[in-house]
PDB file of N, CA and C in Angstrom:
ATOM      1  N   MET A   1      14.748   6.383  10.913  1.00  0.00           N
ATOM      2  CA  MET A   1      13.852   6.278   9.779  1.00  0.00           C
ATOM      3  C   MET A   1      12.477   6.776  10.229  1.00  0.00           C
ATOM      4  N   THR A   2      11.968   7.767   9.531  1.00  0.00           N
ATOM      5  CA  THR A   2      10.685   8.363   9.877  1.00  0.00           C
ATOM      6  C   THR A   2       9.718   8.197   8.724  1.00  0.00           C
ATOM      7  N   GLY A   3       8.509   7.808   9.053  1.00  0.00           N
ATOM      8  CA  GLY A   3       7.494   7.637   8.030  1.00  0.00           C
ATOM      9  C   GLY A   3       6.587   8.847   7.931  1.00  0.00           C
ATOM     10  N   THR A   4       5.925   8.972   6.789  1.00  0.00           N
ATOM     11  CA  THR A   4       4.968  10.051   6.593  1.00  0.00           C
ATOM     12  C   THR A   4       3.621   9.471   6.210  1.00  0.00           C
ATOM     13  N   ARG A   5       2.576  10.112   6.684  1.00  0.00           N
ATOM     14  CA  ARG A   5       1.209   9.724   6.342  1.00  0.00           C
ATOM     15  C   ARG A   5       0.570  10.882   5.593  1.00  0.00           C
ATOM     16  N   THR A   6      -0.032  10.556   4.443  1.00  0.00           N
ATOM     17  CA  THR A   6      -0.720  11.573   3.655  1.00  0.00           C
ATOM     18  C   THR A   6      -2.039  11.011   3.161  1.00  0.00           C
ATOM     19  N   PRO A   7      -3.084  11.828   3.140  1.00  0.00           N
ATOM     20  CA  PRO A   7      -4.371  11.358   2.619  1.00  0.00           C
ATOM     21  C   PRO A   7      -4.318  11.226   1.094  1.00  0.00           C
ATOM     22  N   PHE A   8      -5.159  10.353   0.560  1.00  0.00           N
ATOM     23  CA  PHE A   8      -5.261  10.250  -0.891  1.00  0.00           C
ATOM     24  C   PHE A   8      -6.724  10.278  -1.316  1.00  0.00           C
ATOM     25  N   ALA A   9      -6.950  10.723  -2.544  1.00  0.00           N
ATOM     26  CA  ALA A   9      -8.293  10.846  -3.122  1.00  0.00           C
ATOM     27  C   ALA A   9      -8.877   9.450  -3.370  1.00  0.00           C
ATOM     28  N   PRO A  10     -10.198   9.359  -3.487  1.00  0.00           N
ATOM     29  CA  PRO A  10     -10.816   8.064  -3.740  1.00  0.00           C
ATOM     30  C   PRO A  10     -10.228   7.341  -4.951  1.00  0.00           C
ATOM     31  N   GLU A  11      -9.977   6.063  -4.754  1.00  0.00           N
ATOM     32  CA  GLU A  11      -9.512   5.153  -5.807  1.00  0.00           C
ATOM     33  C   GLU A  11     -10.093   3.784  -5.492  1.00  0.00           C
ATOM     34  N   THR A  12      -9.933   2.842  -6.384  1.00  0.00           N
ATOM     35  CA  THR A  12     -10.502   1.513  -6.190  1.00  0.00           C
ATOM     36  C   THR A  12      -9.699   0.740  -5.156  1.00  0.00           C
ATOM     37  N   ALA A  13     -10.366   0.362  -4.082  1.00  0.00           N
ATOM     38  CA  ALA A  13      -9.763  -0.426  -3.004  1.00  0.00           C
ATOM     39  C   ALA A  13      -9.759  -1.903  -3.405  1.00  0.00           C
ATOM     40  N   PRO A  14      -9.028  -2.747  -2.682  1.00  0.00           N
ATOM     41  CA  PRO A  14      -9.007  -4.184  -3.009  1.00  0.00           C
ATOM     42  C   PRO A  14     -10.384  -4.851  -3.028  1.00  0.00           C
ATOM     43  N   CYS A  15     -11.362  -4.305  -2.308  1.00  0.00           N
ATOM     44  CA  CYS A  15     -12.707  -4.888  -2.297  1.00  0.00           C
ATOM     45  C   CYS A  15     -13.541  -4.452  -3.493  1.00  0.00           C
ATOM     46  N   GLY A  16     -13.042  -3.465  -4.262  1.00  0.00           N
ATOM     47  CA  GLY A  16     -13.764  -2.976  -5.425  1.00  0.00           C
ATOM     48  C   GLY A  16     -14.476  -1.653  -5.200  1.00  0.00           C
ATOM     49  N   ARG A  17     -14.579  -1.223  -3.954  1.00  0.00           N
ATOM     50  CA  ARG A  17     -15.205   0.067  -3.662  1.00  0.00           C
ATOM     51  C   ARG A  17     -14.260   1.204  -4.028  1.00  0.00           C
ATOM     52  N   LYS A  18     -14.830   2.344  -4.347  1.00  0.00           N
ATOM     53  CA  LYS A  18     -14.014   3.525  -4.642  1.00  0.00           C
ATOM     54  C   LYS A  18     -14.058   4.407  -3.400  1.00  0.00           C
ATOM     55  N   VAL A  19     -12.944   4.412  -2.649  1.00  0.00           N
ATOM     56  CA  VAL A  19     -12.855   5.166  -1.392  1.00  0.00           C
ATOM     57  C   VAL A  19     -11.485   5.824  -1.275  1.00  0.00           C
ATOM     58  N   GLY A  20     -11.399   6.795  -0.405  1.00  0.00           N
ATOM     59  CA  GLY A  20     -10.127   7.447  -0.117  1.00  0.00           C
ATOM     60  C   GLY A  20      -9.452   6.745   1.052  1.00  0.00           C
ATOM     61  N   GLY A  21      -8.432   7.372   1.565  1.00  0.00           N
ATOM     62  CA  GLY A  21      -7.737   6.795   2.690  1.00  0.00           C
ATOM     63  C   GLY A  21      -6.461   7.525   3.003  1.00  0.00           C
ATOM     64  N   GLU A  22      -5.530   6.804   3.579  1.00  0.00           N
ATOM     65  CA  GLU A  22      -4.270   7.385   4.000  1.00  0.00           C
ATOM     66  C   GLU A  22      -3.114   6.515   3.527  1.00  0.00           C
ATOM     67  N   ARG A  23      -2.087   7.170   3.002  1.00  0.00           N
ATOM     68  CA  ARG A  23      -0.892   6.471   2.509  1.00  0.00           C
ATOM     69  C   ARG A  23       0.228   6.665   3.520  1.00  0.00           C
ATOM     70  N   PHE A  24       0.896   5.563   3.852  1.00  0.00           N
ATOM     71  CA  PHE A  24       2.046   5.611   4.745  1.00  0.00           C
ATOM     72  C   PHE A  24       3.282   5.261   3.930  1.00  0.00           C
ATOM     73  N   MET A  25       4.329   6.084   4.044  1.00  0.00           N
ATOM     74  CA  MET A  25       5.553   5.823   3.303  1.00  0.00           C
ATOM     75  C   MET A  25       6.747   6.028   4.216  1.00  0.00           C
ATOM     76  N   GLU A  26       7.687   5.091   4.118  1.00  0.00           N
ATOM     77  CA  GLU A  26       8.902   5.148   4.911  1.00  0.00           C
ATOM     78  C   GLU A  26      10.068   4.727   4.031  1.00  0.00           C
ATOM     79  N   ASP A  27      11.182   5.440   4.107  1.00  0.00           N
ATOM     80  CA  ASP A  27      12.349   5.185   3.269  1.00  0.00           C
ATOM     81  C   ASP A  27      13.591   5.390   4.119  1.00  0.00           C
ATOM     82  N   ASP A  28      14.473   4.381   4.172  1.00  0.00           N
ATOM     83  CA  ASP A  28      15.682   4.533   4.998  1.00  0.00           C
ATOM     84  C   ASP A  28      16.852   5.130   4.214  1.00  0.00           C
ATOM     85  N   GLY A  29      16.660   5.392   2.914  1.00  0.00           N
ATOM     86  CA  GLY A  29      17.718   5.981   2.106  1.00  0.00           C
ATOM     87  C   GLY A  29      18.760   4.982   1.627  1.00  0.00           C
ATOM     88  N   TYR A  30      18.621   3.728   2.005  1.00  0.00           N
ATOM     89  CA  TYR A  30      19.587   2.689   1.625  1.00  0.00           C
ATOM     90  C   TYR A  30      18.946   1.543   0.852  1.00  0.00           C
ATOM     91  N   GLY A  31      17.709   1.733   0.420  1.00  0.00           N
ATOM     92  CA  GLY A  31      17.064   0.700  -0.380  1.00  0.00           C
ATOM     93  C   GLY A  31      15.797   0.123   0.219  1.00  0.00           C
ATOM     94  N   LEU A  32      15.533   0.372   1.499  1.00  0.00           N
ATOM     95  CA  LEU A  32      14.301  -0.107   2.114  1.00  0.00           C
ATOM     96  C   LEU A  32      13.222   0.939   1.900  1.00  0.00           C
ATOM     97  N   LEU A  33      12.131   0.539   1.253  1.00  0.00           N
ATOM     98  CA  LEU A  33      11.031   1.449   0.975  1.00  0.00           C
ATOM     99  C   LEU A  33       9.730   0.755   1.345  1.00  0.00           C
ATOM    100  N   ILE A  34       8.993   1.353   2.236  1.00  0.00           N
ATOM    101  CA  ILE A  34       7.731   0.784   2.694  1.00  0.00           C
ATOM    102  C   ILE A  34       6.615   1.708   2.237  1.00  0.00           C
ATOM    103  N   ARG A  35       5.645   1.142   1.534  1.00  0.00           N
ATOM    104  CA  ARG A  35       4.463   1.880   1.086  1.00  0.00           C
ATOM    105  C   ARG A  35       3.238   1.080   1.495  1.00  0.00           C
ATOM    106  N   ASP A  36       2.392   1.662   2.315  1.00  0.00           N
ATOM    107  CA  ASP A  36       1.153   1.016   2.739  1.00  0.00           C
ATOM    108  C   ASP A  36       0.000   1.974   2.493  1.00  0.00           C
ATOM    109  N   TRP A  37      -1.099   1.459   1.959  1.00  0.00           N
ATOM    110  CA  TRP A  37      -2.303   2.242   1.740  1.00  0.00           C
ATOM    111  C   TRP A  37      -3.375   1.697   2.672  1.00  0.00           C
ATOM    112  N   PHE A  38      -3.969   2.567   3.468  1.00  0.00           N
ATOM    113  CA  PHE A  38      -5.039   2.214   4.380  1.00  0.00           C
ATOM    114  C   PHE A  38      -6.313   2.891   3.883  1.00  0.00           C
ATOM    115  N   TYR A  39      -7.267   2.099   3.388  1.00  0.00           N
ATOM    116  CA  TYR A  39      -8.504   2.627   2.826  1.00  0.00           C
ATOM    117  C   TYR A  39      -9.546   2.814   3.922  1.00  0.00           C
ATOM    118  N   THR A  40     -10.444   3.788   3.745  1.00  0.00           N
ATOM    119  CA  THR A  40     -11.453   4.062   4.763  1.00  0.00           C
ATOM    120  C   THR A  40     -12.437   2.905   4.956  1.00  0.00           C
ATOM    121  N   CYS A  41     -12.545   2.020   3.983  1.00  0.00           N
ATOM    122  CA  CYS A  41     -13.431   0.862   4.114  1.00  0.00           C
ATOM    123  C   CYS A  41     -12.803  -0.243   4.970  1.00  0.00           C
ATOM    124  N   GLY A  42     -11.495  -0.115   5.253  1.00  0.00           N
ATOM    125  CA  GLY A  42     -10.808  -1.127   6.064  1.00  0.00           C
ATOM    126  C   GLY A  42      -9.843  -1.981   5.266  1.00  0.00           C
ATOM    127  N   CYS A  43      -9.823  -1.837   3.953  1.00  0.00           N
ATOM    128  CA  CYS A  43      -8.874  -2.593   3.121  1.00  0.00           C
ATOM    129  C   CYS A  43      -7.459  -2.025   3.292  1.00  0.00           C
ATOM    130  N   ARG A  44      -6.478  -2.828   2.877  1.00  0.00           N
ATOM    131  CA  ARG A  44      -5.084  -2.396   2.966  1.00  0.00           C
ATOM    132  C   ARG A  44      -4.303  -2.941   1.779  1.00  0.00           C
ATOM    133  N   ARG A  45      -3.429  -2.104   1.229  1.00  0.00           N
ATOM    134  CA  ARG A  45      -2.530  -2.519   0.148  1.00  0.00           C
ATOM    135  C   ARG A  45      -1.105  -2.309   0.662  1.00  0.00           C
ATOM    136  N   ILE A  46      -0.236  -3.270   0.417  1.00  0.00           N
ATOM    137  CA  ILE A  46       1.117  -3.256   0.973  1.00  0.00           C
ATOM    138  C   ILE A  46       2.137  -3.446  -0.143  1.00  0.00           C
ATOM    139  N   ARG A  47       3.181  -2.618  -0.125  1.00  0.00           N
ATOM    140  CA  ARG A  47       4.306  -2.778  -1.050  1.00  0.00           C
ATOM    141  C   ARG A  47       5.575  -2.462  -0.273  1.00  0.00           C
ATOM    142  N   HIS A  48       6.403  -3.470  -0.088  1.00  0.00           N
ATOM    143  CA  HIS A  48       7.670  -3.312   0.628  1.00  0.00           C
ATOM    144  C   HIS A  48       8.810  -3.697  -0.301  1.00  0.00           C
ATOM    145  N   GLU A  49       9.762  -2.799  -0.476  1.00  0.00           N
ATOM    146  CA  GLU A  49      10.952  -3.049  -1.281  1.00  0.00           C
ATOM    147  C   GLU A  49      12.130  -3.132  -0.313  1.00  0.00           C
ATOM    148  N   TYR A  50      12.904  -4.191  -0.416  1.00  0.00           N
ATOM    149  CA  TYR A  50      13.981  -4.451   0.534  1.00  0.00           C
ATOM    150  C   TYR A  50      15.351  -4.110  -0.050  1.00  0.00           C
ATOM    151  N   HIS A  51      16.348  -4.062   0.821  1.00  0.00           N
ATOM    152  CA  HIS A  51      17.715  -3.699   0.442  1.00  0.00           C
ATOM    153  C   HIS A  51      18.289  -4.579  -0.666  1.00  0.00           C
ATOM    154  N   ASP A  52      17.884  -5.850  -0.715  1.00  0.00           N
ATOM    155  CA  ASP A  52      18.420  -6.767  -1.726  1.00  0.00           C
ATOM    156  C   ASP A  52      17.702  -6.648  -3.073  1.00  0.00           C
ATOM    157  N   GLY A  53      16.726  -5.729  -3.159  1.00  0.00           N
ATOM    158  CA  GLY A  53      16.001  -5.516  -4.409  1.00  0.00           C
ATOM    159  C   GLY A  53      14.704  -6.297  -4.512  1.00  0.00           C
ATOM    160  N   SER A  54      14.447  -7.187  -3.569  1.00  0.00           N
ATOM    161  CA  SER A  54      13.205  -7.960  -3.620  1.00  0.00           C
ATOM    162  C   SER A  54      12.020  -7.080  -3.215  1.00  0.00           C
ATOM    163  N   ILE A  55      10.856  -7.442  -3.721  1.00  0.00           N
ATOM    164  CA  ILE A  55       9.638  -6.671  -3.478  1.00  0.00           C
ATOM    165  C   ILE A  55       8.550  -7.613  -2.981  1.00  0.00           C
ATOM    166  N   HIS A  56       7.832  -7.182  -1.944  1.00  0.00           N
ATOM    167  CA  HIS A  56       6.690  -7.932  -1.423  1.00  0.00           C
ATOM    168  C   HIS A  56       5.459  -7.057  -1.586  1.00  0.00           C
ATOM    169  N   MET A  57       4.481  -7.576  -2.327  1.00  0.00           N
ATOM    170  CA  MET A  57       3.234  -6.846  -2.529  1.00  0.00           C
ATOM    171  C   MET A  57       2.076  -7.737  -2.110  1.00  0.00           C
ATOM    172  N   SER A  58       1.114  -7.147  -1.434  1.00  0.00           N
ATOM    173  CA  SER A  58      -0.095  -7.884  -1.093  1.00  0.00           C
ATOM    174  C   SER A  58      -1.227  -6.901  -0.868  1.00  0.00           C
ATOM    175  N   ALA A  59      -2.426  -7.427  -0.839  1.00  0.00           N
ATOM    176  CA  ALA A  59      -3.607  -6.619  -0.579  1.00  0.00           C
ATOM    177  C   ALA A  59      -4.560  -7.464   0.256  1.00  0.00           C
ATOM    178  N   VAL A  60      -5.214  -6.798   1.203  1.00  0.00           N
ATOM    179  CA  VAL A  60      -6.164  -7.464   2.089  1.00  0.00           C
ATOM    180  C   VAL A  60      -7.454  -6.661   2.073  1.00  0.00           C
ATOM    181  N   ARG A  61      -8.564  -7.354   1.820  1.00  0.00           N
ATOM    182  CA  ARG A  61      -9.864  -6.685   1.842  1.00  0.00           C
ATOM    183  C   ARG A  61     -10.281  -6.390   3.270  1.00  0.00           C
ATOM    184  N   HIS A  62     -11.269  -5.548   3.433  1.00  0.00           N
ATOM    185  CA  HIS A  62     -11.745  -5.165   4.757  1.00  0.00           C
ATOM    186  C   HIS A  62     -12.345  -6.333   5.535  1.00  0.00           C
ATOM    187  N   ASP A  63     -12.733  -7.405   4.847  1.00  0.00           N
ATOM    188  CA  ASP A  63     -13.263  -8.588   5.527  1.00  0.00           C
ATOM    189  C   ASP A  63     -12.167  -9.588   5.895  1.00  0.00           C
ATOM    190  N   GLY A  64     -10.897  -9.209   5.651  1.00  0.00           N
ATOM    191  CA  GLY A  64      -9.764 -10.059   6.019  1.00  0.00           C
ATOM    192  C   GLY A  64      -9.288 -10.992   4.919  1.00  0.00           C
ATOM    193  N   LYS A  65      -9.996 -11.054   3.796  1.00  0.00           N
ATOM    194  CA  LYS A  65      -9.606 -11.937   2.697  1.00  0.00           C
ATOM    195  C   LYS A  65      -8.421 -11.341   1.951  1.00  0.00           C
ATOM    196  N   ARG A  66      -7.389 -12.146   1.790  1.00  0.00           N
ATOM    197  CA  ARG A  66      -6.196 -11.717   1.066  1.00  0.00           C
ATOM    198  C   ARG A  66      -6.429 -11.833  -0.440  1.00  0.00           C
ATOM    199  N   ILE A  67      -6.020 -10.829  -1.192  1.00  0.00           N
ATOM    200  CA  ILE A  67      -6.159 -10.822  -2.644  1.00  0.00           C
ATOM    201  C   ILE A  67      -4.859 -11.361  -3.226  1.00  0.00           C
ATOM    202  N   LYS A  68      -4.951 -12.358  -4.083  1.00  0.00           N
ATOM    203  CA  LYS A  68      -3.755 -12.974  -4.669  1.00  0.00           C
ATOM    204  C   LYS A  68      -3.499 -12.441  -6.064  1.00  0.00           C
ATOM    205  N   ASP A  69      -2.210 -12.297  -6.387  1.00  0.00           N
ATOM    206  CA  ASP A  69      -1.761 -11.917  -7.726  1.00  0.00           C
ATOM    207  C   ASP A  69      -2.480 -10.685  -8.257  1.00  0.00           C
ATOM    208  N   GLN A  70      -2.616  -9.704  -7.435  1.00  0.00           N
ATOM    209  CA  GLN A  70      -3.280  -8.482  -7.869  1.00  0.00           C
ATOM    210  C   GLN A  70      -2.307  -7.589  -8.599  1.00  0.00           C
ATOM    211  N   ALA A  71      -2.673  -7.194  -9.800  1.00  0.00           N
ATOM    212  CA  ALA A  71      -1.836  -6.251 -10.551  1.00  0.00           C
ATOM    213  C   ALA A  71      -1.986  -4.890  -9.905  1.00  0.00           C
ATOM    214  N   GLU A  72      -0.874  -4.198  -9.734  1.00  0.00           N
ATOM    215  CA  GLU A  72      -0.910  -2.916  -9.059  1.00  0.00           C
ATOM    216  C   GLU A  72      -0.062  -1.919  -9.821  1.00  0.00           C
ATOM    217  N   PRO A  73      -0.637  -0.782 -10.172  1.00  0.00           N
ATOM    218  CA  PRO A  73       0.155   0.232 -10.870  1.00  0.00           C
ATOM    219  C   PRO A  73       1.172   0.854  -9.917  1.00  0.00           C
ATOM    220  N   ASP A  74       2.286   1.308 -10.448  1.00  0.00           N
ATOM    221  CA  ASP A  74       3.280   1.979  -9.636  1.00  0.00           C
ATOM    222  C   ASP A  74       2.778   3.395  -9.386  1.00  0.00           C
ATOM    223  N   ARG A  75       2.626   3.735  -8.131  1.00  0.00           N
ATOM    224  CA  ARG A  75       2.076   5.041  -7.763  1.00  0.00           C
ATOM    225  C   ARG A  75       3.157   6.069  -7.480  1.00  0.00           C
ATOM    226  N   GLY A  76       4.398   5.725  -7.715  1.00  0.00           N
ATOM    227  CA  GLY A  76       5.485   6.658  -7.449  1.00  0.00           C
ATOM    228  C   GLY A  76       5.637   6.950  -5.986  1.00  0.00           C
ATOM    229  N   LYS A  77       5.943   8.159  -5.646  1.00  0.00           N
ATOM    230  CA  LYS A  77       6.134   8.547  -4.250  1.00  0.00           C
ATOM    231  C   LYS A  77       4.861   8.370  -3.510  1.00  0.00           C
TER     232      LYS A  77
END
């Protein structure tokens, strides 16, 4: 399983700042899909889809504070 990193244009980070960053995506072809966004301000957004269909989503601000129940649009690939 190999992951890819691609830059993305500025968007609203979990802290509220509009910054760019890098997207990491990994897919095993059997249902495991990992999507992580690393913002230049230090924030991180995480979306992991597992083989059983369950999904784990979270966001952490650059100061380490976890964001709860954050609505997140589906960004596709």
